[in-house]
C-alpha atoms as a PDB file:
ATOM      1  CA  MET A   1      45.484  78.025  98.261  1.00  0.00           C
ATOM      2  CA  THR A   2      45.194  80.571 101.065  1.00  0.00           C
ATOM      3  CA  LEU A   3      46.566  84.039 100.451  1.00  0.00           C
ATOM      4  CA  THR A   4      48.166  85.888 103.310  1.00  0.00           C
ATOM      5  CA  THR A   5      48.729  89.600 102.991  1.00  0.00           C
ATOM      6  CA  ALA A   6      51.602  91.405 104.672  1.00  0.00           C
ATOM      7  CA  LYS A   7      50.488  93.850 107.353  1.00  0.00           C
ATOM      8  CA  TRP A   8      52.368  97.113 107.723  1.00  0.00           C
ATOM      9  CA  THR A   9      53.076  98.927 110.969  1.00  0.00           C
ATOM     10  CA  LEU A  10      52.862 102.689 111.214  1.00  0.00           C
ATOM     11  CA  GLU A  11      56.647 102.853 111.433  1.00  0.00           C
ATOM     12  CA  GLU A  12      57.117 100.768 108.278  1.00  0.00           C
ATOM     13  CA  TYR A  13      54.500 102.836 106.442  1.00  0.00           C
ATOM     14  CA  HIS A  14      56.208 106.070 107.501  1.00  0.00           C
ATOM     15  CA  ARG A  15      59.526 104.744 106.197  1.00  0.00           C
ATOM     16  CA  LEU A  16      57.922 103.996 102.816  1.00  0.00           C
ATOM     17  CA  VAL A  17      56.569 107.559 102.740  1.00  0.00           C
ATOM     18  CA  GLU A  18      59.909 109.086 103.809  1.00  0.00           C
ATOM     19  CA  ILE A  19      61.950 107.321 101.140  1.00  0.00           C
ATOM     20  CA  GLY A  20      59.420 108.213  98.433  1.00  0.00           C
ATOM     21  CA  ILE A  21      58.182 104.768  97.452  1.00  0.00           C
ATOM     22  CA  LEU A  22      54.562 105.932  97.705  1.00  0.00           C
ATOM     23  CA  ASP A  23      55.052 109.365  96.108  1.00  0.00           C
ATOM     24  CA  GLU A  24      53.152 108.535  92.944  1.00  0.00           C
ATOM     25  CA  ARG A  25      50.333 106.701  94.723  1.00  0.00           C
ATOM     26  CA  ARG A  26      47.208 107.983  96.485  1.00  0.00           C
ATOM     27  CA  VAL A  27      47.142 105.566  99.398  1.00  0.00           C
ATOM     28  CA  GLU A  28      46.298 105.392 103.070  1.00  0.00           C
ATOM     29  CA  LEU A  29      47.061 102.853 105.774  1.00  0.00           C
ATOM     30  CA  LEU A  30      43.963 101.081 107.157  1.00  0.00           C
ATOM     31  CA  LYS A  31      44.455  98.431 109.845  1.00  0.00           C
ATOM     32  CA  GLY A  32      47.902  97.586 108.476  1.00  0.00           C
ATOM     33  CA  ASP A  33      46.817  97.437 104.822  1.00  0.00           C
ATOM     34  CA  ILE A  34      48.022  99.994 102.299  1.00  0.00           C
ATOM     35  CA  VAL A  35      44.821 100.871 100.450  1.00  0.00           C
ATOM     36  CA  GLU A  36      44.443 102.820  97.194  1.00  0.00           C
ATOM     37  CA  MET A  37      42.258 105.898  97.580  1.00  0.00           C
ATOM     38  CA  ALA A  38      39.562 106.569  95.022  1.00  0.00           C
ATOM     39  CA  ALA A  39      40.174 109.444  92.633  1.00  0.00           C
ATOM     40  CA  GLU A  40      38.319 112.614  93.556  1.00  0.00           C
ATOM     41  CA  GLY A  41      35.636 113.591  91.104  1.00  0.00           C
ATOM     42  CA  GLU A  42      34.579 117.203  90.693  1.00  0.00           C
ATOM     43  CA  PRO A  43      31.553 117.002  93.061  1.00  0.00           C
ATOM     44  CA  HIS A  44      33.724 115.442  95.779  1.00  0.00           C
ATOM     45  CA  ALA A  45      36.552 117.967  95.428  1.00  0.00           C
ATOM     46  CA  TYR A  46      34.174 120.941  95.254  1.00  0.00           C
ATOM     47  CA  SER A  47      31.993 119.854  98.163  1.00  0.00           C
ATOM     48  CA  SER A  48      34.781 118.990 100.579  1.00  0.00           C
ATOM     49  CA  ASP A  49      36.675 122.178  99.727  1.00  0.00           C
ATOM     50  CA  GLU A  50      33.613 124.392 100.236  1.00  0.00           C
ATOM     51  CA  ALA A  51      32.698 122.640 103.493  1.00  0.00           C
ATOM     52  CA  GLY A  52      36.247 123.092 104.717  1.00  0.00           C
ATOM     53  CA  GLU A  53      36.088 126.832 104.072  1.00  0.00           C
ATOM     54  CA  TYR A  54      32.683 127.025 105.764  1.00  0.00           C
ATOM     55  CA  LEU A  55      33.932 125.210 108.877  1.00  0.00           C
ATOM     56  CA  ILE A  56      37.089 127.320 109.040  1.00  0.00           C
ATOM     57  CA  GLY A  57      34.866 130.395 109.195  1.00  0.00           C
ATOM     58  CA  LEU A  58      32.551 128.872 111.810  1.00  0.00           C
ATOM     59  CA  LEU A  59      35.227 127.524 114.112  1.00  0.00           C
ATOM     60  CA  SER A  60      37.797 130.325 113.607  1.00  0.00           C
ATOM     61  CA  ASP A  61      40.254 130.031 116.496  1.00  0.00           C
ATOM     62  CA  GLN A  62      38.457 127.183 118.323  1.00  0.00           C
ATOM     63  CA  ALA A  63      39.779 124.403 116.084  1.00  0.00           C
ATOM     64  CA  LYS A  64      41.985 123.709 113.092  1.00  0.00           C
ATOM     65  CA  VAL A  65      40.308 122.320 109.968  1.00  0.00           C
ATOM     66  CA  ARG A  66      42.762 120.098 108.098  1.00  0.00           C
ATOM     67  CA  GLN A  67      41.833 119.206 104.532  1.00  0.00           C
ATOM     68  CA  ASN A  68      43.003 115.916 102.995  1.00  0.00           C
ATOM     69  CA  HIS A  69      45.803 115.313 105.491  1.00  0.00           C
ATOM     70  CA  PRO A  70      46.527 112.143 107.474  1.00  0.00           C
ATOM     71  CA  VAL A  71      45.587 111.387 111.045  1.00  0.00           C
ATOM     72  CA  THR A  72      47.634 108.795 112.947  1.00  0.00           C
ATOM     73  CA  LEU A  73      45.710 106.116 114.826  1.00  0.00           C
ATOM     74  CA  PRO A  74      47.088 103.417 117.148  1.00  0.00           C
ATOM     75  CA  ASN A  75      45.361 100.575 115.240  1.00  0.00           C
ATOM     76  CA  HIS A  76      48.012 100.674 112.476  1.00  0.00           C
ATOM     77  CA  SER A  77      45.943 103.171 110.514  1.00  0.00           C
ATOM     78  CA  GLU A  78      46.777 106.474 108.928  1.00  0.00           C
ATOM     79  CA  PRO A  79      43.699 107.462 106.940  1.00  0.00           C
ATOM     80  CA  GLN A  80      43.374 110.763 105.109  1.00  0.00           C
ATOM     81  CA  PRO A  81      39.903 112.096 105.836  1.00  0.00           C
ATOM     82  CA  ASP A  82      38.580 114.879 103.647  1.00  0.00           C
ATOM     83  CA  LEU A  83      38.228 117.075 106.728  1.00  0.00           C
ATOM     84  CA  ALA A  84      39.697 116.610 110.183  1.00  0.00           C
ATOM     85  CA  ILE A  85      38.591 119.072 112.828  1.00  0.00           C
ATOM     86  CA  VAL A  86      41.393 118.997 115.374  1.00  0.00           C
ATOM     87  CA  ARG A  87      42.894 120.843 118.322  1.00  0.00           C
ATOM     88  CA  ARG A  88      45.096 123.779 117.486  1.00  0.00           C
ATOM     89  CA  LEU A  89      48.536 122.509 118.458  1.00  0.00           C
ATOM     90  CA  GLY A  90      50.585 124.763 116.194  1.00  0.00           C
ATOM     91  CA  ARG A  91      54.094 123.553 115.483  1.00  0.00           C
ATOM     92  CA  GLU A  92      53.498 120.271 117.289  1.00  0.00           C
ATOM     93  CA  TYR A  93      52.003 119.017 114.004  1.00  0.00           C
ATOM     94  CA  ARG A  94      55.462 119.380 112.420  1.00  0.00           C
ATOM     95  CA  SER A  95      56.478 116.216 114.279  1.00  0.00           C
ATOM     96  CA  HIS A  96      53.259 114.175 114.074  1.00  0.00           C
ATOM     97  CA  HIS A  97      49.834 114.078 112.486  1.00  0.00           C
ATOM     98  CA  PRO A  98      46.855 114.451 114.832  1.00  0.00           C
ATOM     99  CA  TYR A  99      46.306 111.536 117.205  1.00  0.00           C
ATOM    100  CA  PRO A 100      42.816 110.480 118.423  1.00  0.00           C
ATOM    101  CA  GLU A 101      43.091 112.711 121.496  1.00  0.00           C
ATOM    102  CA  ASN A 102      43.676 115.704 119.169  1.00  0.00           C
ATOM    103  CA  ILE A 103      40.613 115.023 116.983  1.00  0.00           C
ATOM    104  CA  PHE A 104      37.219 116.652 117.564  1.00  0.00           C
ATOM    105  CA  TRP A 105      35.569 114.983 114.588  1.00  0.00           C
ATOM    106  CA  LEU A 106      36.248 113.660 111.084  1.00  0.00           C
ATOM    107  CA  ILE A 107      34.350 114.126 107.823  1.00  0.00           C
ATOM    108  CA  GLU A 108      34.441 112.096 104.609  1.00  0.00           C
ATOM    109  CA  TYR A 109      32.735 112.985 101.330  1.00  0.00           C
ATOM    110  CA  ALA A 110      31.845 109.766  99.563  1.00  0.00           C
ATOM    111  CA  ASN A 111      30.708 108.672  96.157  1.00  0.00           C
ATOM    112  CA  SER A 112      32.682 105.695  94.894  1.00  0.00           C
ATOM    113  CA  SER A 113      34.224 105.208  98.368  1.00  0.00           C
ATOM    114  CA  LEU A 114      30.846 105.118 100.148  1.00  0.00           C
ATOM    115  CA  ASP A 115      31.031 101.489 101.292  1.00  0.00           C
ATOM    116  CA  LYS A 116      34.577 101.912 102.635  1.00  0.00           C
ATOM    117  CA  ASP A 117      33.699 105.140 104.434  1.00  0.00           C
ATOM    118  CA  LEU A 118      30.462 103.843 105.983  1.00  0.00           C
ATOM    119  CA  ASN A 119      31.684 100.390 106.975  1.00  0.00           C
ATOM    120  CA  VAL A 120      35.472 100.119 107.137  1.00  0.00           C
ATOM    121  CA  LYS A 121      36.493 103.592 108.252  1.00  0.00           C
ATOM    122  CA  SER A 122      33.634 103.966 110.714  1.00  0.00           C
ATOM    123  CA  LYS A 123      34.876 100.896 112.576  1.00  0.00           C
ATOM    124  CA  ILE A 124      38.490 102.079 112.483  1.00  0.00           C
ATOM    125  CA  TYR A 125      37.484 105.441 113.938  1.00  0.00           C
ATOM    126  CA  ALA A 126      35.154 103.921 116.553  1.00  0.00           C
ATOM    127  CA  GLU A 127      37.844 101.462 117.639  1.00  0.00           C
ATOM    128  CA  VAL A 128      40.169 104.314 118.640  1.00  0.00           C
ATOM    129  CA  GLY A 129      37.429 106.399 120.281  1.00  0.00           C
ATOM    130  CA  ILE A 130      36.841 109.178 117.743  1.00  0.00           C
ATOM    131  CA  SER A 131      33.662 110.594 119.289  1.00  0.00           C
ATOM    132  CA  GLU A 132      32.088 111.859 116.073  1.00  0.00           C
ATOM    133  CA  TYR A 133      32.400 110.934 112.401  1.00  0.00           C
ATOM    134  CA  TRP A 134      30.370 112.318 109.497  1.00  0.00           C
ATOM    135  CA  VAL A 135      29.980 110.805 106.037  1.00  0.00           C
ATOM    136  CA  ILE A 136      28.437 112.922 103.303  1.00  0.00           C
ATOM    137  CA  ASN A 137      26.788 110.567 100.831  1.00  0.00           C
ATOM    138  CA  LEU A 138      27.143 112.432  97.537  1.00  0.00           C
ATOM    139  CA  LYS A 139      24.809 109.965  95.777  1.00  0.00           C
ATOM    140  CA  SER A 140      21.782 110.633  97.980  1.00  0.00           C
ATOM    141  CA  MET A 141      22.877 114.014  99.395  1.00  0.00           C
ATOM    142  CA  GLU A 142      22.610 112.850 102.993  1.00  0.00           C
ATOM    143  CA  LEU A 143      24.731 113.455 106.050  1.00  0.00           C
ATOM    144  CA  VAL A 144      25.361 110.271 108.029  1.00  0.00           C
ATOM    145  CA  VAL A 145      26.402 111.082 111.594  1.00  0.00           C
ATOM    146  CA  PHE A 146      28.157 108.455 113.698  1.00  0.00           C
ATOM    147  CA  ARG A 147      28.492 109.056 117.441  1.00  0.00           C
ATOM    148  CA  ALA A 148      29.078 107.227 120.707  1.00  0.00           C
ATOM    149  CA  PRO A 149      31.869 104.746 119.924  1.00  0.00           C
ATOM    150  CA  GLN A 150      31.731 101.556 121.937  1.00  0.00           C
ATOM    151  CA  ASN A 151      33.407  98.169 121.465  1.00  0.00           C
ATOM    152  CA  GLY A 152      34.769  99.035 118.018  1.00  0.00           C
ATOM    153  CA  ASP A 153      31.541 100.406 116.558  1.00  0.00           C
ATOM    154  CA  TYR A 154      29.353 103.477 116.822  1.00  0.00           C
ATOM    155  CA  THR A 155      26.166 103.013 118.826  1.00  0.00           C
ATOM    156  CA  SER A 156      24.474 106.036 117.269  1.00  0.00           C
ATOM    157  CA  LYS A 157      23.965 106.541 113.543  1.00  0.00           C
ATOM    158  CA  ILE A 158      21.568 109.169 112.220  1.00  0.00           C
ATOM    159  CA  ILE A 159      20.885 110.352 108.684  1.00  0.00           C
ATOM    160  CA  LEU A 160      20.092 114.016 108.078  1.00  0.00           C
ATOM    161  CA  THR A 161      19.159 115.883 104.924  1.00  0.00           C
ATOM    162  CA  SER A 162      18.535 119.416 106.203  1.00  0.00           C
ATOM    163  CA  GLY A 163      18.482 121.587 109.300  1.00  0.00           C
ATOM    164  CA  ILE A 164      21.167 122.355 111.837  1.00  0.00           C
ATOM    165  CA  ILE A 165      23.552 120.019 113.646  1.00  0.00           C
ATOM    166  CA  HIS A 166      25.611 120.751 116.736  1.00  0.00           C
ATOM    167  CA  PRO A 167      28.977 118.949 116.815  1.00  0.00           C
ATOM    168  CA  LEU A 168      29.576 117.209 120.133  1.00  0.00           C
ATOM    169  CA  ALA A 169      32.782 119.139 120.740  1.00  0.00           C
ATOM    170  CA  PHE A 170      31.118 122.489 119.985  1.00  0.00           C
ATOM    171  CA  PRO A 171      27.492 122.316 121.142  1.00  0.00           C
ATOM    172  CA  ASP A 172      27.059 126.100 120.773  1.00  0.00           C
ATOM    173  CA  ILE A 173      28.033 126.055 117.083  1.00  0.00           C
ATOM    174  CA  ASP A 174      25.200 125.767 114.534  1.00  0.00           C
ATOM    175  CA  VAL A 175      26.382 123.826 111.474  1.00  0.00           C
ATOM    176  CA  SER A 176      24.041 124.119 108.498  1.00  0.00           C
ATOM    177  CA  ILE A 177      23.489 120.729 106.926  1.00  0.00           C
ATOM    178  CA  ASP A 178      22.587 122.410 103.621  1.00  0.00           C
ATOM    179  CA  LEU A 179      25.991 124.117 103.578  1.00  0.00           C
ATOM    180  CA  ILE A 180      27.804 120.894 104.521  1.00  0.00           C
ATOM    181  CA  LEU A 181      25.943 119.152 101.679  1.00  0.00           C
ATOM    182  CA  ASN A 182      26.713 122.148  99.411  1.00  0.00           C
ATOM    183  CA  ARG A 183      23.214 122.647  98.121  1.00  0.00           C
END
């Protein structure tokens, strides 16, 4: 027997959210599939929260740092990255979540979701042209940096454990890898 899953459009997913069907569920839409999100353990919650505060201070009025909020992508995806560094569009975000053209870069903290974040989400983000995507591997305390999306995948992947990184969108900003890793 072959199983066929029902794919959801963004509009259908938004209707489910609006009428409250998903209120009690931690889910996100990935390529038309409604996917359960892993529960946040203490290290994940602490690290992403601290990194968010750090980036807010670094970027001040240059960008908005959204924590655990959806981004809307044209490939029937509405993931909820731990941190989304986006353009400051003010009240425009009352009518829509950030679109790819509004996103500077995305960050995920990963422990139990590591495989999904490194393999599934990286392809989703590359497919829509997100220029930079970071995954913090909480198991090995490494920063995995994906850049240069092309043909649905990133052509550059580097792993860092210390030092300074310069986000593509803000080459003059020094981001401490130790502070992103929360050491």
